[in-house]
């Protein structure tokens, strides 16, 4: 896709991300994850991973970002974890964890793997070595799948 078409797609998806309907916002988050390298998409994704109106938006957006698995996507997830942990809204943190678990294909009953991934994302939010931590998280995912 040429750059102008990518920008047009992102603009349309950012508009959808502002919808009052949670399904529209969730769909926008899933699609915008494919354009995370564009700042306009990343900005909307940072908002959607902390959606104050519906946890389904948070869950599906985080899952899409984790499935992408690159440093930019994981940095957005890590920032959301840090923000949710610092706020008094416990359910947002739990839904971010749920999206992480789904993104890596874990079952939520594997709490050790989920806790390890969550710790790695928190480290990512604070670390300078983003690429090394992204590789670590990916290695954890492949270890769990094996």
C-alpha atoms as a PDB file:
ATOM      1  CA  UNK A   1       0.000   0.000   0.000  1.00  0.00           C
ATOM      2  CA  UNK A   2       1.378   3.398  -0.873  1.00  0.00           C
ATOM      3  CA  UNK A   3       2.010   5.936   1.943  1.00  0.00           C
ATOM      4  CA  UNK A   4      -0.969   8.143   1.079  1.00  0.00           C
ATOM      5  CA  UNK A   5      -3.345   5.184   1.135  1.00  0.00           C
ATOM      6  CA  UNK A   6      -1.927   4.083   4.495  1.00  0.00           C
ATOM      7  CA  UNK A   7      -2.495   7.565   5.909  1.00  0.00           C
ATOM      8  CA  UNK A   8      -6.058   7.639   4.567  1.00  0.00           C
ATOM      9  CA  UNK A   9      -6.761   4.250   6.146  1.00  0.00           C
ATOM     10  CA  UNK A  10      -5.353   5.405   9.480  1.00  0.00           C
ATOM     11  CA  UNK A  11      -7.405   8.611   9.387  1.00  0.00           C
ATOM     12  CA  UNK A  12     -10.586   6.609   8.784  1.00  0.00           C
ATOM     13  CA  UNK A  13      -9.718   4.171  11.578  1.00  0.00           C
ATOM     14  CA  UNK A  14      -8.893   6.991  13.997  1.00  0.00           C
ATOM     15  CA  UNK A  15     -12.353   8.391  13.262  1.00  0.00           C
ATOM     16  CA  UNK A  16     -13.864   4.978  14.004  1.00  0.00           C
ATOM     17  CA  UNK A  17     -11.875   4.819  17.244  1.00  0.00           C
ATOM     18  CA  UNK A  18     -13.810   7.851  18.491  1.00  0.00           C
ATOM     19  CA  UNK A  19     -17.201   6.188  18.023  1.00  0.00           C
ATOM     20  CA  UNK A  20     -19.568   5.946  20.992  1.00  0.00           C
ATOM     21  CA  UNK A  21     -20.093   2.270  20.061  1.00  0.00           C
ATOM     22  CA  UNK A  22     -17.635  -0.053  21.812  1.00  0.00           C
ATOM     23  CA  UNK A  23     -17.592  -2.497  18.873  1.00  0.00           C
ATOM     24  CA  UNK A  24     -16.455   0.273  16.538  1.00  0.00           C
ATOM     25  CA  UNK A  25     -13.665   1.260  18.922  1.00  0.00           C
ATOM     26  CA  UNK A  26     -12.604  -2.383  19.357  1.00  0.00           C
ATOM     27  CA  UNK A  27     -12.540  -2.931  15.577  1.00  0.00           C
ATOM     28  CA  UNK A  28     -10.536   0.260  15.154  1.00  0.00           C
ATOM     29  CA  UNK A  29      -7.995  -0.905  17.741  1.00  0.00           C
ATOM     30  CA  UNK A  30      -7.578  -4.260  16.021  1.00  0.00           C
ATOM     31  CA  UNK A  31      -7.061  -2.622  12.627  1.00  0.00           C
ATOM     32  CA  UNK A  32      -4.891   0.258  13.870  1.00  0.00           C
ATOM     33  CA  UNK A  33      -2.416  -2.235  15.341  1.00  0.00           C
ATOM     34  CA  UNK A  34      -1.376  -2.947  11.742  1.00  0.00           C
ATOM     35  CA  UNK A  35      -0.356   0.710  11.361  1.00  0.00           C
ATOM     36  CA  UNK A  36       1.295   1.202  14.768  1.00  0.00           C
ATOM     37  CA  UNK A  37       4.464   2.633  13.216  1.00  0.00           C
ATOM     38  CA  UNK A  38       2.476   5.714  12.152  1.00  0.00           C
ATOM     39  CA  UNK A  39       2.245   8.237  14.982  1.00  0.00           C
ATOM     40  CA  UNK A  40      -1.437   9.009  14.378  1.00  0.00           C
ATOM     41  CA  UNK A  41      -2.253   5.296  14.783  1.00  0.00           C
ATOM     42  CA  UNK A  42       0.014   4.916  17.822  1.00  0.00           C
ATOM     43  CA  UNK A  43      -1.673   7.875  19.511  1.00  0.00           C
ATOM     44  CA  UNK A  44      -5.126   6.375  18.999  1.00  0.00           C
ATOM     45  CA  UNK A  45      -3.889   2.960  20.192  1.00  0.00           C
ATOM     46  CA  UNK A  46      -2.507   4.479  23.414  1.00  0.00           C
ATOM     47  CA  UNK A  47      -6.009   5.818  24.068  1.00  0.00           C
ATOM     48  CA  UNK A  48      -7.794   2.590  23.127  1.00  0.00           C
ATOM     49  CA  UNK A  49      -5.698   0.315  25.358  1.00  0.00           C
ATOM     50  CA  UNK A  50      -6.980   2.362  28.303  1.00  0.00           C
ATOM     51  CA  UNK A  51     -10.558   2.760  27.021  1.00  0.00           C
ATOM     52  CA  UNK A  52     -12.527   4.110  29.994  1.00  0.00           C
ATOM     53  CA  UNK A  53     -15.921   2.992  28.685  1.00  0.00           C
ATOM     54  CA  UNK A  54     -15.514  -0.686  27.793  1.00  0.00           C
ATOM     55  CA  UNK A  55     -13.014  -3.357  28.751  1.00  0.00           C
ATOM     56  CA  UNK A  56     -13.626  -5.215  25.485  1.00  0.00           C
ATOM     57  CA  UNK A  57     -11.911  -2.392  23.630  1.00  0.00           C
ATOM     58  CA  UNK A  58      -8.886  -2.661  25.924  1.00  0.00           C
ATOM     59  CA  UNK A  59      -8.753  -6.444  25.657  1.00  0.00           C
ATOM     60  CA  UNK A  60      -8.993  -6.690  21.865  1.00  0.00           C
ATOM     61  CA  UNK A  61      -6.610  -3.798  21.199  1.00  0.00           C
ATOM     62  CA  UNK A  62      -3.957  -5.180  23.567  1.00  0.00           C
ATOM     63  CA  UNK A  63      -4.331  -8.643  22.041  1.00  0.00           C
ATOM     64  CA  UNK A  64      -3.747  -7.244  18.540  1.00  0.00           C
ATOM     65  CA  UNK A  65      -0.682  -5.296  19.642  1.00  0.00           C
ATOM     66  CA  UNK A  66       0.832  -8.295  21.429  1.00  0.00           C
ATOM     67  CA  UNK A  67       0.218 -10.526  18.411  1.00  0.00           C
ATOM     68  CA  UNK A  68       2.143  -8.020  16.320  1.00  0.00           C
ATOM     69  CA  UNK A  69       5.006  -8.471  18.787  1.00  0.00           C
ATOM     70  CA  UNK A  70       7.297  -5.628  17.748  1.00  0.00           C
ATOM     71  CA  UNK A  71       8.931  -3.133  20.076  1.00  0.00           C
ATOM     72  CA  UNK A  72       6.582  -0.247  19.189  1.00  0.00           C
ATOM     73  CA  UNK A  73       3.490  -2.341  19.906  1.00  0.00           C
ATOM     74  CA  UNK A  74       4.860  -3.780  23.124  1.00  0.00           C
ATOM     75  CA  UNK A  75       5.888  -0.320  24.314  1.00  0.00           C
ATOM     76  CA  UNK A  76       2.244   0.819  23.996  1.00  0.00           C
ATOM     77  CA  UNK A  77       1.085  -2.239  25.976  1.00  0.00           C
ATOM     78  CA  UNK A  78       3.777  -1.678  28.580  1.00  0.00           C
ATOM     79  CA  UNK A  79       2.807   1.967  28.960  1.00  0.00           C
ATOM     80  CA  UNK A  80      -0.816   0.950  29.425  1.00  0.00           C
ATOM     81  CA  UNK A  81       0.165  -1.579  32.096  1.00  0.00           C
ATOM     82  CA  UNK A  82       2.117   1.068  33.941  1.00  0.00           C
ATOM     83  CA  UNK A  83      -0.721   3.616  33.695  1.00  0.00           C
ATOM     84  CA  UNK A  84      -3.335   1.083  34.800  1.00  0.00           C
ATOM     85  CA  UNK A  85      -1.175  -0.080  37.686  1.00  0.00           C
ATOM     86  CA  UNK A  86      -0.752   3.494  38.896  1.00  0.00           C
ATOM     87  CA  UNK A  87      -4.460   4.252  38.680  1.00  0.00           C
ATOM     88  CA  UNK A  88      -7.071   2.972  41.067  1.00  0.00           C
ATOM     89  CA  UNK A  89      -8.952   1.185  38.286  1.00  0.00           C
ATOM     90  CA  UNK A  90      -8.097  -2.481  38.874  1.00  0.00           C
ATOM     91  CA  UNK A  91     -10.219  -3.942  36.093  1.00  0.00           C
ATOM     92  CA  UNK A  92      -8.280  -2.099  33.371  1.00  0.00           C
ATOM     93  CA  UNK A  93      -5.058  -3.738  34.528  1.00  0.00           C
ATOM     94  CA  UNK A  94      -6.765  -7.140  34.513  1.00  0.00           C
ATOM     95  CA  UNK A  95      -8.114  -6.635  30.991  1.00  0.00           C
ATOM     96  CA  UNK A  96      -4.689  -5.591  29.764  1.00  0.00           C
ATOM     97  CA  UNK A  97      -3.331  -8.828  31.237  1.00  0.00           C
ATOM     98  CA  UNK A  98      -6.144 -10.717  29.512  1.00  0.00           C
ATOM     99  CA  UNK A  99      -5.238  -9.171  26.157  1.00  0.00           C
ATOM    100  CA  UNK A 100      -1.589 -10.090  26.707  1.00  0.00           C
ATOM    101  CA  UNK A 101      -2.548 -13.678  27.480  1.00  0.00           C
ATOM    102  CA  UNK A 102      -4.768 -13.955  24.410  1.00  0.00           C
ATOM    103  CA  UNK A 103      -2.153 -12.310  22.230  1.00  0.00           C
ATOM    104  CA  UNK A 104       0.370 -14.973  23.105  1.00  0.00           C
ATOM    105  CA  UNK A 105      -2.215 -17.743  22.898  1.00  0.00           C
ATOM    106  CA  UNK A 106      -1.992 -18.610  26.573  1.00  0.00           C
ATOM    107  CA  UNK A 107      -4.871 -19.961  28.527  1.00  0.00           C
ATOM    108  CA  UNK A 108      -5.604 -17.798  31.522  1.00  0.00           C
ATOM    109  CA  UNK A 109      -5.125 -20.759  33.843  1.00  0.00           C
ATOM    110  CA  UNK A 110      -1.375 -20.577  33.171  1.00  0.00           C
ATOM    111  CA  UNK A 111      -0.883 -17.805  35.672  1.00  0.00           C
ATOM    112  CA  UNK A 112       2.919 -18.183  35.827  1.00  0.00           C
ATOM    113  CA  UNK A 113       3.284 -17.487  32.111  1.00  0.00           C
ATOM    114  CA  UNK A 114       0.878 -14.574  32.348  1.00  0.00           C
ATOM    115  CA  UNK A 115       2.723 -13.113  35.341  1.00  0.00           C
ATOM    116  CA  UNK A 116       6.068 -13.468  33.549  1.00  0.00           C
ATOM    117  CA  UNK A 117       4.763 -11.695  30.450  1.00  0.00           C
ATOM    118  CA  UNK A 118       3.267  -8.941  32.579  1.00  0.00           C
ATOM    119  CA  UNK A 119       6.592  -8.475  34.398  1.00  0.00           C
ATOM    120  CA  UNK A 120       8.421  -8.318  31.087  1.00  0.00           C
ATOM    121  CA  UNK A 121       6.034  -5.647  29.782  1.00  0.00           C
ATOM    122  CA  UNK A 122       6.513  -3.606  32.947  1.00  0.00           C
ATOM    123  CA  UNK A 123      10.268  -3.847  32.487  1.00  0.00           C
ATOM    124  CA  UNK A 124       9.816  -2.733  28.899  1.00  0.00           C
ATOM    125  CA  UNK A 125       8.025   0.414  30.014  1.00  0.00           C
ATOM    126  CA  UNK A 126      11.018   1.421  32.102  1.00  0.00           C
ATOM    127  CA  UNK A 127      13.943   0.013  30.120  1.00  0.00           C
ATOM    128  CA  UNK A 128      16.140   1.540  27.452  1.00  0.00           C
ATOM    129  CA  UNK A 129      16.844  -1.815  25.785  1.00  0.00           C
ATOM    130  CA  UNK A 130      13.425  -2.127  24.153  1.00  0.00           C
ATOM    131  CA  UNK A 131      14.491  -4.497  21.387  1.00  0.00           C
ATOM    132  CA  UNK A 132      16.158  -6.888  23.837  1.00  0.00           C
ATOM    133  CA  UNK A 133      13.056  -7.012  25.992  1.00  0.00           C
ATOM    134  CA  UNK A 134      10.787  -7.504  22.992  1.00  0.00           C
ATOM    135  CA  UNK A 135      12.936 -10.487  22.000  1.00  0.00           C
ATOM    136  CA  UNK A 136      12.697 -11.802  25.559  1.00  0.00           C
ATOM    137  CA  UNK A 137       8.893 -11.602  25.530  1.00  0.00           C
ATOM    138  CA  UNK A 138       8.766 -13.334  22.159  1.00  0.00           C
ATOM    139  CA  UNK A 139      11.048 -16.106  23.456  1.00  0.00           C
ATOM    140  CA  UNK A 140       8.741 -16.600  26.432  1.00  0.00           C
ATOM    141  CA  UNK A 141       5.802 -16.952  24.055  1.00  0.00           C
ATOM    142  CA  UNK A 142       7.573 -19.590  21.965  1.00  0.00           C
ATOM    143  CA  UNK A 143       8.668 -21.461  25.106  1.00  0.00           C
ATOM    144  CA  UNK A 144       5.061 -21.590  26.295  1.00  0.00           C
ATOM    145  CA  UNK A 145       3.781 -22.781  22.924  1.00  0.00           C
ATOM    146  CA  UNK A 146       6.388 -25.542  22.765  1.00  0.00           C
END
